[in-house]
Amino acid sequence: MWQHLWLMRVVHVGGRYLAGREQRLWAGLVGIMLAPLVLAATANTGLALVFGVGAVLLAPELVRRLRNTRNGRLGERIVTDALRRLPDDYCLVNDVVLRRARGNIDHILIGPCGVVAIETKRLAGHIRCDGDTWWAKGRRRDSISKQVNAGATAIRSLLIERHPELRDSALRWVESIIVFTHPLCRLEVERSRATVVRFSELLEVILALAERRRLAPAIAEQLARSLTSAAGK
């Protein structure tokens, strides 16, 4: 299951959350575009007209969601490539879906830094955070910090169930980091409930965590294997 890429151990698990979502969006877009043509070919012009109007109304929203999903996948690849520069006493587990989390967890990094949940966002424009409240381009949006913290809590709960002896040591705390990868992103952050960084700052933050917390490579690999086992179910 382990893939040795450069020096870092990287594993892809779970349901390939964004990849699956992109495939479903493509299927939906193709379906609504083809349906009127198929119905017209069968001489069912009335129903073809109804589906044609529906396609005109739905297609822009599907295209928007598809664009956002593709941007999300690009951001995750950028962060994975950056984290590969870390040495082999780090383990990176990508694309994890846990029952107690909100959606998928983009990256879980385990190593000298401890256990870290990382949420990747590729958003352009002005991004503002005040506590757990977030705005993008002046519009209120779902809380990114609540999302990543829910993931961190789910990770800690699962690992404590499997490794109760580490509750007060390696699993005393799971860090939460939000990474923005778009070069045209302007951040304004106040009292954030998670660490918020630009892509260029990520490795520096990880190495600073490693100075404060040391996790033995054997324990890091053990925890990573528990995560991959749980996510594969």
Protein backbone atom coordinates (compact mmCIF):
# COMPACT_ATOMS: atom_id res chain seq x y z
CA MET A 1 0.00 0.00 0.00
CA TRP A 2 2.88 2.38 0.65
CA GLN A 3 4.17 4.37 -2.30
CA HIS A 4 7.74 5.65 -1.95
CA LEU A 5 7.82 9.02 -3.71
CA TRP A 6 11.05 10.94 -3.29
CA LEU A 7 11.90 10.66 0.41
CA MET A 8 8.44 10.85 1.87
CA ARG A 9 5.98 8.03 2.38
CA VAL A 10 2.76 9.00 0.61
CA VAL A 11 -0.44 7.00 0.61
CA HIS A 12 -3.72 7.67 -1.22
CA VAL A 13 -6.73 6.10 0.44
CA GLY A 14 -10.47 6.48 0.76
CA GLY A 15 -12.93 7.07 -2.06
CA ARG A 16 -10.92 9.56 -4.09
CA TYR A 17 -13.43 12.14 -2.97
CA LEU A 18 -12.84 14.95 -5.46
CA ALA A 19 -12.06 12.60 -8.35
CA GLY A 20 -15.37 10.82 -7.80
CA ARG A 21 -17.21 14.12 -7.56
CA GLU A 22 -15.65 15.34 -10.81
CA GLN A 23 -16.71 12.16 -12.60
CA ARG A 24 -20.29 12.55 -11.36
CA LEU A 25 -20.42 16.18 -12.47
CA TRP A 26 -19.11 15.28 -15.93
CA ALA A 27 -21.71 12.52 -16.20
CA GLY A 28 -24.48 14.92 -15.15
CA LEU A 29 -23.36 17.60 -17.60
CA VAL A 30 -23.13 15.19 -20.53
CA GLY A 31 -26.49 13.68 -19.58
CA ILE A 32 -28.45 16.93 -19.55
CA MET A 33 -26.85 18.04 -22.82
CA LEU A 34 -27.57 14.78 -24.64
CA ALA A 35 -31.09 14.17 -23.34
CA PRO A 36 -32.80 16.82 -25.57
CA LEU A 37 -30.97 15.53 -28.64
CA VAL A 38 -31.95 11.92 -27.96
CA LEU A 39 -35.59 12.88 -27.38
CA ALA A 40 -35.68 15.03 -30.52
CA ALA A 41 -34.29 12.13 -32.53
CA THR A 42 -37.19 9.98 -31.32
CA ALA A 43 -39.69 12.63 -32.44
CA ASN A 44 -40.67 13.45 -28.85
CA THR A 45 -40.33 17.18 -29.47
CA GLY A 46 -42.38 18.33 -26.48
CA LEU A 47 -40.29 16.45 -23.96
CA ALA A 48 -37.15 17.42 -25.85
CA LEU A 49 -38.10 21.08 -25.41
CA VAL A 50 -38.64 20.61 -21.67
CA PHE A 51 -35.26 18.90 -21.27
CA GLY A 52 -33.65 21.56 -23.45
CA VAL A 53 -34.89 24.33 -21.16
CA GLY A 54 -33.69 22.32 -18.17
CA ALA A 55 -30.26 21.92 -19.73
CA VAL A 56 -29.97 25.68 -20.29
CA LEU A 57 -30.87 26.32 -16.64
CA LEU A 58 -28.73 23.60 -15.05
CA ALA A 59 -25.62 23.55 -17.21
CA PRO A 60 -24.04 26.79 -15.84
CA GLU A 61 -24.30 25.56 -12.25
CA LEU A 62 -22.80 22.18 -13.15
CA VAL A 63 -19.97 23.91 -15.00
CA ARG A 64 -19.30 26.12 -11.96
CA ARG A 65 -19.17 23.12 -9.64
CA LEU A 66 -16.96 21.23 -12.06
CA ARG A 67 -14.53 24.16 -12.24
CA ASN A 68 -14.39 24.41 -8.44
CA THR A 69 -13.79 20.67 -8.11
CA ARG A 70 -10.96 20.72 -10.65
CA ASN A 71 -9.40 23.68 -8.83
CA GLY A 72 -9.65 21.73 -5.58
CA ARG A 73 -7.84 18.74 -7.10
CA LEU A 74 -5.10 21.03 -8.42
CA GLY A 75 -4.64 22.59 -4.97
CA GLU A 76 -4.34 19.17 -3.35
CA ARG A 77 -1.71 18.08 -5.88
CA ILE A 78 0.30 21.25 -5.22
CA VAL A 79 0.28 20.65 -1.46
CA THR A 80 1.18 16.96 -1.86
CA ASP A 81 4.15 17.88 -4.07
CA ALA A 82 5.34 20.40 -1.48
CA LEU A 83 5.08 17.94 1.41
CA ARG A 84 7.06 15.33 -0.52
CA ARG A 85 10.13 17.43 0.23
CA LEU A 86 9.97 16.32 3.85
CA PRO A 87 12.23 13.42 4.91
CA ASP A 88 11.11 9.83 5.35
CA ASP A 89 10.27 10.14 9.06
CA TYR A 90 7.03 11.81 7.89
CA CYS A 91 4.00 9.94 6.56
CA LEU A 92 1.40 11.65 4.38
CA VAL A 93 -2.08 10.14 4.00
CA ASN A 94 -4.24 11.81 1.35
CA ASP A 95 -7.98 11.95 0.70
CA VAL A 96 -9.41 10.35 3.84
CA VAL A 97 -13.14 10.01 4.54
CA LEU A 98 -14.10 9.37 8.17
CA ARG A 99 -17.65 9.12 9.49
CA ARG A 100 -17.20 11.85 12.08
CA ALA A 101 -15.60 14.38 9.73
CA ARG A 102 -17.30 16.92 7.45
CA GLY A 103 -16.60 15.54 3.98
CA ASN A 104 -13.12 14.32 3.18
CA ILE A 105 -9.88 15.28 4.91
CA ASP A 106 -7.48 16.46 2.20
CA HIS A 107 -4.20 15.52 3.90
CA ILE A 108 -3.11 13.98 7.19
CA LEU A 109 0.57 14.47 7.98
CA ILE A 110 2.16 12.34 10.71
CA GLY A 111 5.76 12.66 11.84
CA PRO A 112 8.02 14.81 14.03
CA CYS A 113 5.33 17.51 13.80
CA GLY A 114 2.81 15.20 15.49
CA VAL A 115 -0.50 14.50 13.76
CA VAL A 116 -1.74 17.32 11.50
CA ALA A 117 -5.00 17.66 9.55
CA ILE A 118 -4.55 19.86 6.47
CA GLU A 119 -7.38 21.43 4.46
CA THR A 120 -6.42 22.79 1.04
CA LYS A 121 -8.31 25.66 -0.60
CA ARG A 122 -7.63 27.16 -4.02
CA LEU A 123 -9.56 30.42 -3.89
CA ALA A 124 -8.68 33.69 -5.57
CA GLY A 125 -9.55 37.18 -4.39
CA HIS A 126 -10.08 38.56 -0.90
CA ILE A 127 -10.53 35.84 1.75
CA ARG A 128 -11.47 37.03 5.24
CA CYS A 129 -11.64 35.06 8.47
CA ASP A 130 -12.89 36.19 11.87
CA GLY A 131 -12.88 33.30 14.32
CA ASP A 132 -14.93 30.55 12.70
CA THR A 133 -16.67 32.94 10.29
CA TRP A 134 -15.40 33.14 6.70
CA TRP A 135 -16.03 35.33 3.65
CA ALA A 136 -14.79 34.89 0.09
CA LYS A 137 -14.97 37.89 -2.27
CA GLY A 138 -17.31 39.64 0.14
CA ARG A 139 -19.74 36.73 0.47
CA ARG A 140 -20.26 34.65 3.59
CA ARG A 141 -19.25 31.02 3.06
CA ASP A 142 -19.15 27.76 4.98
CA SER A 143 -16.60 27.82 7.79
CA ILE A 144 -13.29 26.36 6.63
CA SER A 145 -11.92 26.28 10.18
CA LYS A 146 -14.92 24.29 11.45
CA GLN A 147 -14.40 21.86 8.60
CA VAL A 148 -10.71 21.22 9.29
CA ASN A 149 -11.25 21.09 13.07
CA ALA A 150 -14.02 18.53 12.63
CA GLY A 151 -11.54 16.48 10.63
CA ALA A 152 -8.88 16.83 13.31
CA THR A 153 -11.34 15.75 16.01
CA ALA A 154 -12.40 12.72 13.93
CA ILE A 155 -8.76 11.73 13.40
CA ARG A 156 -7.94 11.98 17.09
CA SER A 157 -11.03 10.01 18.15
CA LEU A 158 -10.33 7.20 15.69
CA LEU A 159 -6.65 6.91 16.60
CA ILE A 160 -7.34 6.98 20.35
CA GLU A 161 -9.78 4.11 19.90
CA ARG A 162 -7.01 2.10 18.25
CA HIS A 163 -4.09 3.38 20.35
CA PRO A 164 -5.45 4.38 23.79
CA GLU A 165 -1.93 4.25 25.24
CA LEU A 166 -1.05 7.34 23.11
CA ARG A 167 -3.96 9.49 24.33
CA ASP A 168 -1.81 11.74 26.52
CA SER A 169 1.32 11.73 24.37
CA ALA A 170 1.29 11.51 20.55
CA LEU A 171 -2.51 11.92 20.41
CA ARG A 172 -2.89 14.61 23.04
CA TRP A 173 -3.61 17.09 20.24
CA VAL A 174 -4.16 16.98 16.46
CA GLU A 175 -3.11 20.20 14.75
CA SER A 176 -5.31 21.90 12.11
CA ILE A 177 -3.84 23.80 9.15
CA ILE A 178 -5.63 25.53 6.28
CA VAL A 179 -3.49 26.08 3.16
CA PHE A 180 -4.41 28.54 0.41
CA THR A 181 -2.70 27.72 -2.88
CA HIS A 182 -4.00 30.30 -5.36
CA PRO A 183 -1.37 32.97 -6.18
CA LEU A 184 -4.06 35.69 -6.36
CA CYS A 185 -5.46 34.97 -2.91
CA ARG A 186 -5.42 37.88 -0.42
CA LEU A 187 -5.83 36.74 3.18
CA GLU A 188 -7.20 38.73 6.12
CA VAL A 189 -7.18 36.54 9.19
CA GLU A 190 -8.28 37.43 12.73
CA ARG A 191 -8.64 35.04 15.67
CA SER A 192 -8.71 31.99 13.44
CA ARG A 193 -9.55 28.68 15.13
CA ALA A 194 -6.94 26.96 12.94
CA THR A 195 -3.52 27.84 11.55
CA VAL A 196 -3.97 29.63 8.21
CA VAL A 197 -1.05 29.81 5.76
CA ARG A 198 -0.21 30.45 2.16
CA PHE A 199 1.26 27.60 0.16
CA SER A 200 4.75 29.12 0.36
CA GLU A 201 4.60 29.12 4.19
CA LEU A 202 3.46 25.53 4.72
CA LEU A 203 6.81 23.76 5.11
CA GLU A 204 8.08 26.44 7.49
CA VAL A 205 5.03 25.93 9.74
CA ILE A 206 5.43 22.12 9.65
CA LEU A 207 9.11 22.34 10.58
CA ALA A 208 8.29 24.75 13.41
CA LEU A 209 5.81 22.21 14.78
CA ALA A 210 8.50 19.54 14.54
CA GLU A 211 10.77 21.62 16.77
CA ARG A 212 8.12 21.54 19.51
CA ARG A 213 6.89 17.97 19.10
CA ARG A 214 8.91 14.90 18.22
CA LEU A 215 7.18 11.71 17.16
CA ALA A 216 9.21 8.54 16.64
CA PRO A 217 9.14 7.21 13.04
CA ALA A 218 7.85 3.81 14.21
CA ILE A 219 4.85 5.43 15.97
CA ALA A 220 4.20 7.70 12.98
CA GLU A 221 4.06 4.71 10.64
CA GLN A 222 1.85 2.80 13.07
CA LEU A 223 -0.65 5.68 13.22
CA ALA A 224 -0.60 6.11 9.44
CA ARG A 225 -1.33 2.43 8.93
CA SER A 226 -4.27 2.66 11.32
CA LEU A 227 -5.67 5.56 9.32
CA THR A 228 -5.30 3.82 5.98
CA SER A 229 -6.91 0.69 7.41
CA ALA A 230 -9.89 2.64 8.76
CA ALA A 231 -10.35 4.72 5.59
CA GLY A 232 -10.20 1.63 3.40
CA LYS A 233 -13.29 0.12 5.02
